[in-house]
Protein backbone atom coordinates (compact mmCIF):
# COMPACT_ATOMS: atom_id res chain seq x y z
CA UNK A 1 18.56 24.34 -6.21
CA UNK A 2 18.22 20.67 -4.88
CA UNK A 3 21.64 18.87 -3.71
CA UNK A 4 22.46 15.50 -2.25
CA UNK A 5 24.22 15.11 0.84
CA UNK A 6 25.03 12.00 2.63
CA UNK A 7 24.63 11.24 5.88
CA UNK A 8 25.93 8.49 8.44
CA UNK A 9 23.70 6.66 11.17
CA UNK A 10 24.04 9.40 13.76
CA UNK A 11 22.76 12.29 11.40
CA UNK A 12 20.08 9.87 10.02
CA UNK A 13 18.87 9.27 13.62
CA UNK A 14 19.15 13.04 14.37
CA UNK A 15 16.75 13.92 11.53
CA UNK A 16 14.25 10.95 11.99
CA UNK A 17 11.53 13.42 12.86
CA UNK A 18 11.95 15.07 9.35
CA UNK A 19 12.26 11.61 7.75
CA UNK A 20 9.14 10.35 9.22
CA UNK A 21 7.33 13.57 7.99
CA UNK A 22 8.47 13.09 4.49
CA UNK A 23 7.56 9.36 4.78
CA UNK A 24 4.02 10.15 6.07
CA UNK A 25 3.38 12.56 3.34
CA UNK A 26 4.62 10.36 0.60
CA UNK A 27 3.00 7.05 1.54
CA UNK A 28 -0.05 8.23 3.81
CA UNK A 29 0.06 5.11 6.15
CA UNK A 30 -2.27 5.00 8.91
CA UNK A 31 -1.29 7.00 11.78
CA UNK A 32 -0.97 3.98 14.17
CA UNK A 33 1.87 2.64 12.11
CA UNK A 34 4.11 5.58 12.13
CA UNK A 35 5.65 4.80 15.77
CA UNK A 36 6.51 1.35 14.50
CA UNK A 37 7.92 2.58 11.28
CA UNK A 38 10.21 5.23 13.12
CA UNK A 39 11.69 2.25 15.26
CA UNK A 40 12.38 0.30 12.19
CA UNK A 41 14.08 3.14 10.50
CA UNK A 42 16.13 4.00 13.47
CA UNK A 43 17.00 0.22 13.76
CA UNK A 44 18.20 0.24 9.97
CA UNK A 45 20.85 2.79 10.80
CA UNK A 46 22.65 0.24 12.64
CA UNK A 47 23.00 -2.10 9.93
CA UNK A 48 26.19 -2.62 8.13
CA UNK A 49 27.17 -0.44 5.37
CA UNK A 50 24.26 1.71 5.81
CA UNK A 51 24.32 4.61 3.63
CA UNK A 52 21.88 7.58 3.59
CA UNK A 53 21.29 10.57 1.04
CA UNK A 54 19.20 13.72 1.70
CA UNK A 55 17.80 15.67 -1.05
CA UNK A 56 17.96 19.39 0.13
CA UNK A 57 16.48 22.32 -1.12
CA UNK A 58 19.19 25.31 -0.95
CA UNK A 59 17.77 28.86 -1.36
CA UNK A 60 19.34 32.25 -0.51
CA UNK A 61 16.98 34.60 1.00
CA UNK A 62 16.03 38.05 -0.71
CA UNK A 63 18.78 39.62 0.82
CA UNK A 64 21.30 37.15 -0.21
CA UNK A 65 21.83 35.46 3.14
CA UNK A 66 21.84 31.55 3.01
CA UNK A 67 19.11 29.80 4.70
CA UNK A 68 18.99 26.33 6.40
CA UNK A 69 18.45 23.59 3.70
CA UNK A 70 15.03 22.10 3.75
CA UNK A 71 15.15 18.39 3.51
CA UNK A 72 12.53 17.45 0.51
CA UNK A 73 13.55 13.52 -0.05
CA UNK A 74 15.93 10.72 1.45
CA UNK A 75 16.87 7.45 0.20
CA UNK A 76 18.92 5.06 2.44
CA UNK A 77 20.06 1.41 2.13
CA UNK A 78 22.50 -1.18 3.68
CA UNK A 79 23.85 -4.46 2.87
CA UNK A 80 21.47 -7.35 3.49
CA UNK A 81 22.36 -9.74 5.87
CA UNK A 82 20.89 -13.13 7.50
CA UNK A 83 19.25 -12.34 10.72
CA UNK A 84 17.72 -9.08 9.30
CA UNK A 85 13.74 -9.62 8.87
CA UNK A 86 13.41 -8.18 5.77
CA UNK A 87 16.39 -9.95 4.33
CA UNK A 88 15.23 -13.16 5.76
CA UNK A 89 11.60 -12.94 4.59
CA UNK A 90 12.33 -11.96 1.14
CA UNK A 91 15.12 -14.95 0.91
CA UNK A 92 12.63 -17.42 1.84
CA UNK A 93 9.91 -15.94 -0.75
CA UNK A 94 12.81 -16.04 -3.40
CA UNK A 95 13.88 -19.46 -2.31
CA UNK A 96 10.27 -20.98 -2.27
CA UNK A 97 9.23 -19.63 -5.76
CA UNK A 98 12.45 -19.46 -7.47
CA UNK A 99 14.99 -21.99 -5.82
CA UNK A 100 17.63 -21.63 -3.13
CA UNK A 101 20.28 -20.97 -5.88
CA UNK A 102 18.39 -17.85 -7.11
CA UNK A 103 17.73 -16.59 -3.59
CA UNK A 104 21.37 -16.69 -2.95
CA UNK A 105 22.48 -15.30 -6.21
CA UNK A 106 20.19 -12.13 -5.43
CA UNK A 107 20.50 -11.79 -1.76
CA UNK A 108 23.77 -13.32 -0.77
CA UNK A 109 25.56 -9.82 -1.66
CA UNK A 110 22.97 -7.32 -1.89
CA UNK A 111 22.58 -3.72 -1.27
CA UNK A 112 18.95 -3.40 0.15
CA UNK A 113 17.45 -0.07 -0.75
CA UNK A 114 15.06 0.24 2.13
CA UNK A 115 13.43 3.77 1.90
CA UNK A 116 13.34 6.06 -0.97
CA UNK A 117 10.82 8.93 -0.45
CA UNK A 118 10.06 12.39 -1.77
CA UNK A 119 7.71 14.87 -0.48
CA UNK A 120 4.95 15.06 -2.87
CA UNK A 121 5.32 18.71 -3.53
CA UNK A 122 8.80 17.51 -5.06
CA UNK A 123 7.31 14.52 -7.32
CA UNK A 124 8.15 14.61 -10.96
CA UNK A 125 11.40 16.44 -10.94
CA UNK A 126 13.72 13.54 -11.20
CA UNK A 127 14.96 13.50 -7.38
CA UNK A 128 13.93 9.89 -6.82
CA UNK A 129 16.03 8.76 -9.67
CA UNK A 130 18.91 10.86 -8.90
CA UNK A 131 18.76 9.72 -5.22
CA UNK A 132 18.74 6.07 -6.34
CA UNK A 133 21.75 6.86 -8.71
CA UNK A 134 23.54 8.57 -6.09
CA UNK A 135 22.99 6.14 -3.14
CA UNK A 136 24.04 3.24 -5.27
CA UNK A 137 27.18 4.84 -6.85
CA UNK A 138 30.31 2.96 -5.83
CA UNK A 139 28.58 0.18 -3.96
CA UNK A 140 30.52 -3.15 -4.18
CA UNK A 141 27.53 -5.43 -3.63
CA UNK A 142 26.52 -7.42 -6.71
CA UNK A 143 22.76 -6.53 -6.60
CA UNK A 144 20.15 -3.92 -5.52
CA UNK A 145 17.17 -5.18 -4.07
CA UNK A 146 13.77 -3.51 -3.11
CA UNK A 147 10.45 -3.73 -2.34
CA UNK A 148 7.29 -1.41 -3.65
CA UNK A 149 3.57 -1.91 -3.71
CA UNK A 150 2.56 -4.22 -6.50
CA UNK A 151 0.71 -1.52 -8.55
CA UNK A 152 1.20 0.40 -11.14
CA UNK A 153 2.51 3.48 -9.28
CA UNK A 154 5.07 6.17 -10.26
CA UNK A 155 7.89 4.48 -8.11
CA UNK A 156 7.16 1.00 -9.83
CA UNK A 157 7.57 2.81 -13.12
CA UNK A 158 10.75 4.41 -12.11
CA UNK A 159 12.48 1.23 -10.73
CA UNK A 160 11.78 -0.58 -14.00
CA UNK A 161 12.95 2.23 -16.12
CA UNK A 162 16.21 2.07 -13.95
CA UNK A 163 16.55 -1.54 -14.88
CA UNK A 164 14.80 -3.39 -11.90
CA UNK A 165 12.89 -6.24 -12.79
CA UNK A 166 10.35 -8.13 -10.87
CA UNK A 167 11.64 -10.97 -8.86
CA UNK A 168 8.59 -11.72 -6.89
CA UNK A 169 4.99 -10.24 -7.54
CA UNK A 170 1.81 -10.45 -5.40
CA UNK A 171 4.11 -10.84 -2.31
CA UNK A 172 2.65 -10.43 1.00
CA UNK A 173 4.87 -9.97 3.83
CA UNK A 174 3.97 -11.79 7.18
CA UNK A 175 1.49 -10.15 9.28
CA UNK A 176 0.58 -7.84 6.16
CA UNK A 177 -2.31 -7.93 3.76
CA UNK A 178 -0.88 -5.60 0.91
CA UNK A 179 0.64 -7.32 -2.07
CA UNK A 180 4.35 -5.96 -2.89
CA UNK A 181 6.82 -6.74 -5.87
CA UNK A 182 10.13 -7.48 -5.02
CA UNK A 183 12.58 -6.25 -7.44
CA UNK A 184 16.14 -6.25 -8.21
CA UNK A 185 18.95 -5.42 -10.67
CA UNK A 186 22.65 -6.13 -10.91
CA UNK A 187 25.23 -3.38 -9.62
CA UNK A 188 26.57 -1.22 -10.68
CA UNK A 189 23.93 1.07 -12.15
CA UNK A 190 24.55 2.04 -15.78
């Protein structure tokens, strides 16, 4: 059975090796990017109103004893703010393409969904959708914002099915080469 359990910054940092393993299995990044991603994730745990959920497989052994839960997915986010790299880069991109008023409307009081990953062995079981719903429940921000590869992926389809609309497409982050879509939707999720 899969259960969702909230975790604060301290536990998130304690579980960072497991988080990175799931991220690597799901995203298949070049090995030389893992250390940098780990540093970024650790830093995210220090951001205002950080919130994380783990999707845990809870089973009993054949003799009825409860076994240690296995983390099969995680999702986290925080309130974006000026001075945070992703926030500032996306705000500038929105302001350039849509105008400063639109950038402020979307990013001025936003919950930034930084990472949402499910181990590939558990894809297609509704875990990602449930984590996003759980993570966004009760948030006071007026919008939820995320970035995803600008390709017809299962994740992109999931976000669209949850009401996220493309704010920017073919967006390339500074120093990168891959194209991303920046998507947003008003909160609360309904």
